[in-house]
Amino acid sequence: ALIENGLLSQDICLVARTNHLVDEYGSQLQQLGI
């Protein structure tokens, strides 16, 4: 929704507490096409 409204993907950051969680969310988003 943010990108559709004109925001660039590089202006968005997903933040998590640990490296393990960062990698887990990254994997989930990539599987969902992000």
Full PDB file with SEQRES, HELIX, SHEET, SSBOND, CRYST1, ORIGX, SCALE, CONECT and MASTER records, all heavy atoms in Angstrom:
SEQRES   1 A   34  ALA LEU ILE GLU ASN GLY LEU LEU SER GLN ASP ILE CYS          
SEQRES   2 A   34  LEU VAL ALA ARG THR ASN HIS LEU VAL ASP GLU TYR GLY          
SEQRES   3 A   34  SER GLN LEU GLN GLN LEU GLY ILE                              
HELIX    1 AA1 SER A    9  ASP A   11  5                                   3    
HELIX    2 AA2 ASN A   19  GLN A   31  1                                  13    
CRYST1    1.000    1.000    1.000  90.00  90.00  90.00 P 1           1          
ORIGX1      1.000000  0.000000  0.000000        0.00000                         
ORIGX2      0.000000  1.000000  0.000000        0.00000                         
ORIGX3      0.000000  0.000000  1.000000        0.00000                         
SCALE1      1.000000  0.000000  0.000000        0.00000                         
SCALE2      0.000000  1.000000  0.000000        0.00000                         
SCALE3      0.000000  0.000000  1.000000        0.00000                         
ATOM      1  N   ALA A   1       0.833  -1.207   0.000  1.00  0.00           N  
ATOM      2  CA  ALA A   1       0.000   0.000   0.000  1.00  0.00           C  
ATOM      3  C   ALA A   1       0.869   1.259   0.000  1.00  0.00           C  
ATOM      4  O   ALA A   1       0.558   2.242  -0.690  1.00  0.00           O  
ATOM      5  CB  ALA A   1      -0.922  -0.008   1.222  1.00  0.00           C  
ATOM      6  N   LEU A   2       1.951   1.234   0.753  1.00  0.00           N  
ATOM      7  CA  LEU A   2       2.854   2.387   0.814  1.00  0.00           C  
ATOM      8  C   LEU A   2       3.494   2.646  -0.546  1.00  0.00           C  
ATOM      9  O   LEU A   2       3.600   3.795  -0.994  1.00  0.00           O  
ATOM     10  CB  LEU A   2       3.934   2.155   1.868  1.00  0.00           C  
ATOM     11  CG  LEU A   2       3.461   2.161   3.327  1.00  0.00           C  
ATOM     12  CD1 LEU A   2       4.527   1.578   4.237  1.00  0.00           C  
ATOM     13  CD2 LEU A   2       3.109   3.590   3.761  1.00  0.00           C  
ATOM     14  N   ILE A   3       3.928   1.581  -1.198  1.00  0.00           N  
ATOM     15  CA  ILE A   3       4.574   1.727  -2.507  1.00  0.00           C  
ATOM     16  C   ILE A   3       3.568   2.198  -3.551  1.00  0.00           C  
ATOM     17  O   ILE A   3       3.879   3.031  -4.413  1.00  0.00           O  
ATOM     18  CB  ILE A   3       5.251   0.403  -2.917  1.00  0.00           C  
ATOM     19  CG1 ILE A   3       6.427   0.104  -1.966  1.00  0.00           C  
ATOM     20  CG2 ILE A   3       5.732   0.462  -4.350  1.00  0.00           C  
ATOM     21  CD1 ILE A   3       7.071  -1.247  -2.172  1.00  0.00           C  
ATOM     22  N   GLU A   4       2.335   1.695  -3.482  1.00  0.00           N  
ATOM     23  CA  GLU A   4       1.292   2.131  -4.413  1.00  0.00           C  
ATOM     24  C   GLU A   4       1.001   3.620  -4.255  1.00  0.00           C  
ATOM     25  O   GLU A   4       0.625   4.300  -5.213  1.00  0.00           O  
ATOM     26  CB  GLU A   4       0.008   1.331  -4.181  1.00  0.00           C  
ATOM     27  CG  GLU A   4       0.068  -0.095  -4.726  1.00  0.00           C  
ATOM     28  CD  GLU A   4      -1.186  -0.895  -4.390  1.00  0.00           C  
ATOM     29  OE1 GLU A   4      -2.149  -0.275  -3.880  1.00  0.00           O  
ATOM     30  OE2 GLU A   4      -1.202  -2.112  -4.635  1.00  0.00           O  
ATOM     31  N   ASN A   5       1.205   4.129  -3.052  1.00  0.00           N  
ATOM     32  CA  ASN A   5       0.974   5.553  -2.784  1.00  0.00           C  
ATOM     33  C   ASN A   5       2.191   6.411  -3.102  1.00  0.00           C  
ATOM     34  O   ASN A   5       2.235   7.596  -2.748  1.00  0.00           O  
ATOM     35  CB  ASN A   5       0.566   5.759  -1.321  1.00  0.00           C  
ATOM     36  CG  ASN A   5      -0.853   5.287  -1.056  1.00  0.00           C  
ATOM     37  OD1 ASN A   5      -1.705   5.344  -1.937  1.00  0.00           O  
ATOM     38  ND2 ASN A   5      -1.108   4.812   0.159  1.00  0.00           N  
ATOM     39  N   GLY A   6       3.188   5.814  -3.755  1.00  0.00           N  
ATOM     40  CA  GLY A   6       4.321   6.603  -4.237  1.00  0.00           C  
ATOM     41  C   GLY A   6       5.598   6.516  -3.430  1.00  0.00           C  
ATOM     42  O   GLY A   6       6.599   7.145  -3.788  1.00  0.00           O  
ATOM     43  N   LEU A   7       5.599   5.747  -2.338  1.00  0.00           N  
ATOM     44  CA  LEU A   7       6.804   5.634  -1.532  1.00  0.00           C  
ATOM     45  C   LEU A   7       7.770   4.643  -2.170  1.00  0.00           C  
ATOM     46  O   LEU A   7       7.366   3.588  -2.661  1.00  0.00           O  
ATOM     47  CB  LEU A   7       6.443   5.156  -0.112  1.00  0.00           C  
ATOM     48  CG  LEU A   7       7.498   5.348   0.973  1.00  0.00           C  
ATOM     49  CD1 LEU A   7       7.764   6.827   1.213  1.00  0.00           C  
ATOM     50  CD2 LEU A   7       7.039   4.689   2.274  1.00  0.00           C  
ATOM     51  N   LEU A   8       9.045   4.969  -2.183  1.00  0.00           N  
ATOM     52  CA  LEU A   8      10.056   4.056  -2.702  1.00  0.00           C  
ATOM     53  C   LEU A   8      10.318   2.949  -1.689  1.00  0.00           C  
ATOM     54  O   LEU A   8      10.289   3.185  -0.477  1.00  0.00           O  
ATOM     55  CB  LEU A   8      11.356   4.809  -2.992  1.00  0.00           C  
ATOM     56  CG  LEU A   8      11.292   5.905  -4.060  1.00  0.00           C  
ATOM     57  CD1 LEU A   8      12.628   6.629  -4.145  1.00  0.00           C  
ATOM     58  CD2 LEU A   8      10.915   5.314  -5.411  1.00  0.00           C  
ATOM     59  N   SER A   9      10.599   1.754  -2.184  1.00  0.00           N  
ATOM     60  CA  SER A   9      10.828   0.624  -1.271  1.00  0.00           C  
ATOM     61  C   SER A   9      12.011   0.878  -0.356  1.00  0.00           C  
ATOM     62  O   SER A   9      12.011   0.448   0.809  1.00  0.00           O  
ATOM     63  CB  SER A   9      11.053  -0.664  -2.072  1.00  0.00           C  
ATOM     64  OG  SER A   9      12.185  -0.540  -2.921  1.00  0.00           O  
ATOM     65  N   GLN A  10      13.029   1.593  -0.840  1.00  0.00           N  
ATOM     66  CA  GLN A  10      14.219   1.847  -0.018  1.00  0.00           C  
ATOM     67  C   GLN A  10      13.989   2.878   1.079  1.00  0.00           C  
ATOM     68  O   GLN A  10      14.866   3.098   1.916  1.00  0.00           O  
ATOM     69  CB  GLN A  10      15.399   2.279  -0.887  1.00  0.00           C  
ATOM     70  CG  GLN A  10      15.129   3.433  -1.843  1.00  0.00           C  
ATOM     71  CD  GLN A  10      14.760   2.959  -3.232  1.00  0.00           C  
ATOM     72  OE1 GLN A  10      13.901   2.106  -3.397  1.00  0.00           O  
ATOM     73  NE2 GLN A  10      15.426   3.501  -4.243  1.00  0.00           N  
ATOM     74  N   ASP A  11      12.816   3.500   1.073  1.00  0.00           N  
ATOM     75  CA  ASP A  11      12.464   4.433   2.151  1.00  0.00           C  
ATOM     76  C   ASP A  11      11.688   3.744   3.272  1.00  0.00           C  
ATOM     77  O   ASP A  11      11.166   4.403   4.173  1.00  0.00           O  
ATOM     78  CB  ASP A  11      11.632   5.593   1.601  1.00  0.00           C  
ATOM     79  CG  ASP A  11      12.464   6.527   0.734  1.00  0.00           C  
ATOM     80  OD1 ASP A  11      13.676   6.650   1.006  1.00  0.00           O  
ATOM     81  OD2 ASP A  11      11.911   7.124  -0.207  1.00  0.00           O  
ATOM     82  N   ILE A  12      11.589   2.411   3.190  1.00  0.00           N  
ATOM     83  CA  ILE A  12      10.881   1.607   4.190  1.00  0.00           C  
ATOM     84  C   ILE A  12      11.888   0.671   4.862  1.00  0.00           C  
ATOM     85  O   ILE A  12      12.713   0.061   4.192  1.00  0.00           O  
ATOM     86  CB  ILE A  12       9.765   0.765   3.545  1.00  0.00           C  
ATOM     87  CG1 ILE A  12       8.795   1.667   2.766  1.00  0.00           C  
ATOM     88  CG2 ILE A  12       9.017  -0.055   4.593  1.00  0.00           C  
ATOM     89  CD1 ILE A  12       7.816   0.898   1.899  1.00  0.00           C  
ATOM     90  N   CYS A  13      11.829   0.572   6.175  1.00  0.00           N  
ATOM     91  CA  CYS A  13      12.732  -0.334   6.890  1.00  0.00           C  
ATOM     92  C   CYS A  13      11.948  -1.194   7.868  1.00  0.00           C  
ATOM     93  O   CYS A  13      11.139  -0.681   8.656  1.00  0.00           O  
ATOM     94  CB  CYS A  13      13.798   0.451   7.651  1.00  0.00           C  
ATOM     95  SG  CYS A  13      15.056  -0.595   8.440  1.00  0.00           S  
ATOM     96  N   LEU A  14      12.173  -2.512   7.791  1.00  0.00           N  
ATOM     97  CA  LEU A  14      11.618  -3.426   8.781  1.00  0.00           C  
ATOM     98  C   LEU A  14      12.692  -3.679   9.837  1.00  0.00           C  
ATOM     99  O   LEU A  14      13.819  -4.058   9.506  1.00  0.00           O  
ATOM    100  CB  LEU A  14      11.192  -4.739   8.131  1.00  0.00           C  
ATOM    101  CG  LEU A  14      10.524  -5.748   9.086  1.00  0.00           C  
ATOM    102  CD1 LEU A  14       9.430  -6.522   8.372  1.00  0.00           C  
ATOM    103  CD2 LEU A  14      11.540  -6.733   9.682  1.00  0.00           C  
ATOM    104  N   VAL A  15      12.333  -3.472  11.096  1.00  0.00           N  
ATOM    105  CA  VAL A  15      13.277  -3.579  12.198  1.00  0.00           C  
ATOM    106  C   VAL A  15      12.820  -4.670  13.155  1.00  0.00           C  
ATOM    107  O   VAL A  15      11.639  -4.734  13.514  1.00  0.00           O  
ATOM    108  CB  VAL A  15      13.386  -2.235  12.963  1.00  0.00           C  
ATOM    109  CG1 VAL A  15      14.357  -2.352  14.124  1.00  0.00           C  
ATOM    110  CG2 VAL A  15      13.810  -1.118  12.018  1.00  0.00           C  
ATOM    111  N   ALA A  16      13.738  -5.534  13.565  1.00  0.00           N  
ATOM    112  CA  ALA A  16      13.449  -6.565  14.568  1.00  0.00           C  
ATOM    113  C   ALA A  16      14.570  -6.592  15.597  1.00  0.00           C  
ATOM    114  O   ALA A  16      15.649  -6.032  15.383  1.00  0.00           O  
ATOM    115  CB  ALA A  16      13.276  -7.929  13.911  1.00  0.00           C  
ATOM    116  N   ARG A  17      14.330  -7.269  16.706  1.00  0.00           N  
ATOM    117  CA  ARG A  17      15.266  -7.219  17.837  1.00  0.00           C  
ATOM    118  C   ARG A  17      16.554  -7.977  17.573  1.00  0.00           C  
ATOM    119  O   ARG A  17      17.637  -7.538  17.988  1.00  0.00           O  
ATOM    120  CB  ARG A  17      14.575  -7.768  19.100  1.00  0.00           C  
ATOM    121  CG  ARG A  17      15.472  -7.839  20.342  1.00  0.00           C  
ATOM    122  CD  ARG A  17      15.933  -6.473  20.781  1.00  0.00           C  
ATOM    123  NE  ARG A  17      16.771  -6.551  21.968  1.00  0.00           N  
ATOM    124  CZ  ARG A  17      18.085  -6.773  21.955  1.00  0.00           C  
ATOM    125  NH1 ARG A  17      18.714  -6.954  20.791  1.00  0.00           N  
ATOM    126  NH2 ARG A  17      18.779  -6.805  23.076  1.00  0.00           N  
ATOM    127  N   THR A  18      16.496  -9.120  16.890  1.00  0.00           N  
ATOM    128  CA  THR A  18      17.674  -9.964  16.708  1.00  0.00           C  
ATOM    129  C   THR A  18      17.939 -10.236  15.230  1.00  0.00           C  
ATOM    130  O   THR A  18      17.047 -10.116  14.390  1.00  0.00           O  
ATOM    131  CB  THR A  18      17.497 -11.310  17.426  1.00  0.00           C  
ATOM    132  OG1 THR A  18      16.439 -12.047  16.773  1.00  0.00           O  
ATOM    133  CG2 THR A  18      17.141 -11.116  18.896  1.00  0.00           C  
ATOM    134  N   ASN A  19      19.166 -10.633  14.938  1.00  0.00           N  
ATOM    135  CA  ASN A  19      19.515 -11.006  13.573  1.00  0.00           C  
ATOM    136  C   ASN A  19      18.678 -12.185  13.085  1.00  0.00           C  
ATOM    137  O   ASN A  19      18.274 -12.241  11.917  1.00  0.00           O  
ATOM    138  CB  ASN A  19      21.005 -11.364  13.493  1.00  0.00           C  
ATOM    139  CG  ASN A  19      21.850 -10.159  13.099  1.00  0.00           C  
ATOM    140  OD1 ASN A  19      21.641  -9.543  12.064  1.00  0.00           O  
ATOM    141  ND2 ASN A  19      22.794  -9.823  13.960  1.00  0.00           N  
ATOM    142  N   HIS A  20      18.445 -13.143  13.987  1.00  0.00           N  
ATOM    143  CA  HIS A  20      17.638 -14.311  13.617  1.00  0.00           C  
ATOM    144  C   HIS A  20      16.249 -13.885  13.159  1.00  0.00           C  
ATOM    145  O   HIS A  20      15.736 -14.369  12.133  1.00  0.00           O  
ATOM    146  CB  HIS A  20      17.528 -15.272  14.805  1.00  0.00           C  
ATOM    147  CG  HIS A  20      16.584 -16.415  14.570  1.00  0.00           C  
ATOM    148  ND1 HIS A  20      16.898 -17.490  13.754  1.00  0.00           N  
ATOM    149  CD2 HIS A  20      15.307 -16.632  15.012  1.00  0.00           C  
ATOM    150  CE1 HIS A  20      15.871 -18.321  13.720  1.00  0.00           C  
ATOM    151  NE2 HIS A  20      14.894 -17.826  14.471  1.00  0.00           N  
ATOM    152  N   LEU A  21      15.613 -12.978  13.902  1.00  0.00           N  
ATOM    153  CA  LEU A  21      14.280 -12.519  13.520  1.00  0.00           C  
ATOM    154  C   LEU A  21      14.318 -11.703  12.234  1.00  0.00           C  
ATOM    155  O   LEU A  21      13.411 -11.806  11.397  1.00  0.00           O  
ATOM    156  CB  LEU A  21      13.672 -11.684  14.648  1.00  0.00           C  
ATOM    157  CG  LEU A  21      12.884 -12.446  15.717  1.00  0.00           C  
ATOM    158  CD1 LEU A  21      12.426 -11.501  16.809  1.00  0.00           C  
ATOM    159  CD2 LEU A  21      11.682 -13.164  15.106  1.00  0.00           C  
ATOM    160  N   VAL A  22      15.345 -10.880  12.074  1.00  0.00           N  
ATOM    161  CA  VAL A  22      15.479 -10.106  10.834  1.00  0.00           C  
ATOM    162  C   VAL A  22      15.520 -11.047   9.637  1.00  0.00           C  
ATOM    163  O   VAL A  22      14.829 -10.845   8.626  1.00  0.00           O  
ATOM    164  CB  VAL A  22      16.741  -9.221  10.880  1.00  0.00           C  
ATOM    165  CG1 VAL A  22      17.044  -8.649   9.492  1.00  0.00           C  
ATOM    166  CG2 VAL A  22      16.561  -8.080  11.867  1.00  0.00           C  
ATOM    167  N   ASP A  23      16.314 -12.102   9.742  1.00  0.00           N  
ATOM    168  CA  ASP A  23      16.414 -13.065   8.642  1.00  0.00           C  
ATOM    169  C   ASP A  23      15.091 -13.801   8.412  1.00  0.00           C  
ATOM    170  O   ASP A  23      14.708 -14.070   7.265  1.00  0.00           O  
ATOM    171  CB  ASP A  23      17.527 -14.075   8.933  1.00  0.00           C  
ATOM    172  CG  ASP A  23      18.909 -13.438   8.917  1.00  0.00           C  
ATOM    173  OD1 ASP A  23      19.053 -12.361   8.302  1.00  0.00           O  
ATOM    174  OD2 ASP A  23      19.833 -14.004   9.537  1.00  0.00           O  
ATOM    175  N   GLU A  24      14.389 -14.112   9.502  1.00  0.00           N  
ATOM    176  CA  GLU A  24      13.113 -14.818   9.379  1.00  0.00           C  
ATOM    177  C   GLU A  24      12.083 -13.950   8.654  1.00  0.00           C  
ATOM    178  O   GLU A  24      11.387 -14.420   7.744  1.00  0.00           O  
ATOM    179  CB  GLU A  24      12.607 -15.201  10.765  1.00  0.00           C  
ATOM    180  CG  GLU A  24      11.257 -15.896  10.778  1.00  0.00           C  
ATOM    181  CD  GLU A  24      11.268 -17.262  10.109  1.00  0.00           C  
ATOM    182  OE1 GLU A  24      12.371 -17.865   9.982  1.00  0.00           O  
ATOM    183  OE2 GLU A  24      10.193 -17.729   9.694  1.00  0.00           O  
ATOM    184  N   TYR A  25      11.988 -12.671   9.049  1.00  0.00           N  
ATOM    185  CA  TYR A  25      11.034 -11.786   8.368  1.00  0.00           C  
ATOM    186  C   TYR A  25      11.446 -11.552   6.921  1.00  0.00           C  
ATOM    187  O   TYR A  25      10.597 -11.474   6.028  1.00  0.00           O  
ATOM    188  CB  TYR A  25      10.914 -10.458   9.118  1.00  0.00           C  
ATOM    189  CG  TYR A  25      10.077 -10.559  10.365  1.00  0.00           C  
ATOM    190  CD1 TYR A  25      10.673 -10.530  11.625  1.00  0.00           C  
ATOM    191  CD2 TYR A  25       8.695 -10.693  10.285  1.00  0.00           C  
ATOM    192  CE1 TYR A  25       9.916 -10.641  12.775  1.00  0.00           C  
ATOM    193  CE2 TYR A  25       7.923 -10.797  11.432  1.00  0.00           C  
ATOM    194  CZ  TYR A  25       8.537 -10.776  12.671  1.00  0.00           C  
ATOM    195  OH  TYR A  25       7.780 -10.889  13.808  1.00  0.00           O  
ATOM    196  N   GLY A  26      12.749 -11.451   6.678  1.00  0.00           N  
ATOM    197  CA  GLY A  26      13.224 -11.282   5.313  1.00  0.00           C  
ATOM    198  C   GLY A  26      12.821 -12.451   4.437  1.00  0.00           C  
ATOM    199  O   GLY A  26      12.367 -12.268   3.295  1.00  0.00           O  
ATOM    200  N   SER A  27      12.959 -13.664   4.968  1.00  0.00           N  
ATOM    201  CA  SER A  27      12.569 -14.865   4.230  1.00  0.00           C  
ATOM    202  C   SER A  27      11.070 -14.873   3.965  1.00  0.00           C  
ATOM    203  O   SER A  27      10.621 -15.186   2.852  1.00  0.00           O  
ATOM    204  CB  SER A  27      12.985 -16.110   5.015  1.00  0.00           C  
ATOM    205  OG  SER A  27      12.543 -17.291   4.385  1.00  0.00           O  
ATOM    206  N   GLN A  28      10.293 -14.524   4.994  1.00  0.00           N  
ATOM    207  CA  GLN A  28       8.832 -14.501   4.834  1.00  0.00           C  
ATOM    208  C   GLN A  28       8.419 -13.493   3.760  1.00  0.00           C  
ATOM    209  O   GLN A  28       7.567 -13.790   2.906  1.00  0.00           O  
ATOM    210  CB  GLN A  28       8.177 -14.121   6.163  1.00  0.00           C  
ATOM    211  CG  GLN A  28       8.319 -15.157   7.262  1.00  0.00           C  
ATOM    212  CD  GLN A  28       7.171 -16.159   7.268  1.00  0.00           C  
ATOM    213  OE1 GLN A  28       6.161 -15.961   6.615  1.00  0.00           O  
ATOM    214  NE2 GLN A  28       7.348 -17.250   8.001  1.00  0.00           N  
ATOM    215  N   LEU A  29       9.013 -12.303   3.776  1.00  0.00           N  
ATOM    216  CA  LEU A  29       8.634 -11.273   2.811  1.00  0.00           C  
ATOM    217  C   LEU A  29       9.058 -11.643   1.398  1.00  0.00           C  
ATOM    218  O   LEU A  29       8.322 -11.380   0.429  1.00  0.00           O  
ATOM    219  CB  LEU A  29       9.255  -9.924   3.217  1.00  0.00           C  
ATOM    220  CG  LEU A  29       8.664  -9.273   4.470  1.00  0.00           C  
ATOM    221  CD1 LEU A  29       9.391  -7.976   4.791  1.00  0.00           C  
ATOM    222  CD2 LEU A  29       7.169  -9.006   4.305  1.00  0.00           C  
ATOM    223  N   GLN A  30      10.229 -12.240   1.274  1.00  0.00           N  
ATOM    224  CA  GLN A  30      10.677 -12.656  -0.060  1.00  0.00           C  
ATOM    225  C   GLN A  30       9.752 -13.723  -0.641  1.00  0.00           C  
ATOM    226  O   GLN A  30       9.446 -13.705  -1.839  1.00  0.00           O  
ATOM    227  CB  GLN A  30      12.117 -13.151   0.014  1.00  0.00           C  
ATOM    228  CG  GLN A  30      13.121 -12.015   0.193  1.00  0.00           C  
ATOM    229  CD  GLN A  30      14.544 -12.503   0.384  1.00  0.00           C  
ATOM    230  OE1 GLN A  30      14.775 -13.697   0.567  1.00  0.00           O  
ATOM    231  NE2 GLN A  30      15.495 -11.588   0.348  1.00  0.00           N  
ATOM    232  N   GLN A  31       9.286 -14.646   0.198  1.00  0.00           N  
ATOM    233  CA  GLN A  31       8.337 -15.662  -0.259  1.00  0.00           C  
ATOM    234  C   GLN A  31       7.013 -15.036  -0.685  1.00  0.00           C  
ATOM    235  O   GLN A  31       6.302 -15.581  -1.537  1.00  0.00           O  
ATOM    236  CB  GLN A  31       8.090 -16.688   0.847  1.00  0.00           C  
ATOM    237  CG  GLN A  31       9.290 -17.581   1.153  1.00  0.00           C  
ATOM    238  CD  GLN A  31       9.033 -18.501   2.331  1.00  0.00           C  
ATOM    239  OE1 GLN A  31       7.896 -18.848   2.625  1.00  0.00           O  
ATOM    240  NE2 GLN A  31      10.097 -18.889   3.012  1.00  0.00           N  
ATOM    241  N   LEU A  32       6.706 -13.878  -0.094  1.00  0.00           N  
ATOM    242  CA  LEU A  32       5.461 -13.182  -0.424  1.00  0.00           C  
ATOM    243  C   LEU A  32       5.661 -12.169  -1.554  1.00  0.00           C  
ATOM    244  O   LEU A  32       4.759 -11.383  -1.861  1.00  0.00           O  
ATOM    245  CB  LEU A  32       4.921 -12.470   0.821  1.00  0.00           C  
ATOM    246  CG  LEU A  32       4.446 -13.390   1.955  1.00  0.00           C  
ATOM    247  CD1 LEU A  32       4.174 -12.590   3.219  1.00  0.00           C  
ATOM    248  CD2 LEU A  32       3.194 -14.162   1.525  1.00  0.00           C  
ATOM    249  N   GLY A  33       6.866 -12.163  -2.145  1.00  0.00           N  
ATOM    250  CA  GLY A  33       7.103 -11.321  -3.313  1.00  0.00           C  
ATOM    251  C   GLY A  33       7.617  -9.930  -3.042  1.00  0.00           C  
ATOM    252  O   GLY A  33       7.608  -9.076  -3.933  1.00  0.00           O  
ATOM    253  N   ILE A  34       8.093  -9.671  -1.822  1.00  0.00           N  
ATOM    254  CA  ILE A  34       8.619  -8.348  -1.478  1.00  0.00           C  
ATOM    255  C   ILE A  34      10.146  -8.378  -1.567  1.00  0.00           C  
ATOM    256  O   ILE A  34      10.805  -9.189  -0.904  1.00  0.00           O  
ATOM    257  CB  ILE A  34       8.198  -7.921  -0.064  1.00  0.00           C  
ATOM    258  CG1 ILE A  34       6.676  -7.825   0.040  1.00  0.00           C  
ATOM    259  CG2 ILE A  34       8.850  -6.597   0.323  1.00  0.00           C  
ATOM    260  CD1 ILE A  34       6.049  -6.728  -0.774  1.00  0.00           C  
TER     261      ILE A  34                                                      
MASTER        0    0    0    2    0    0    0    6  260    1    0    3          
END                                                                             
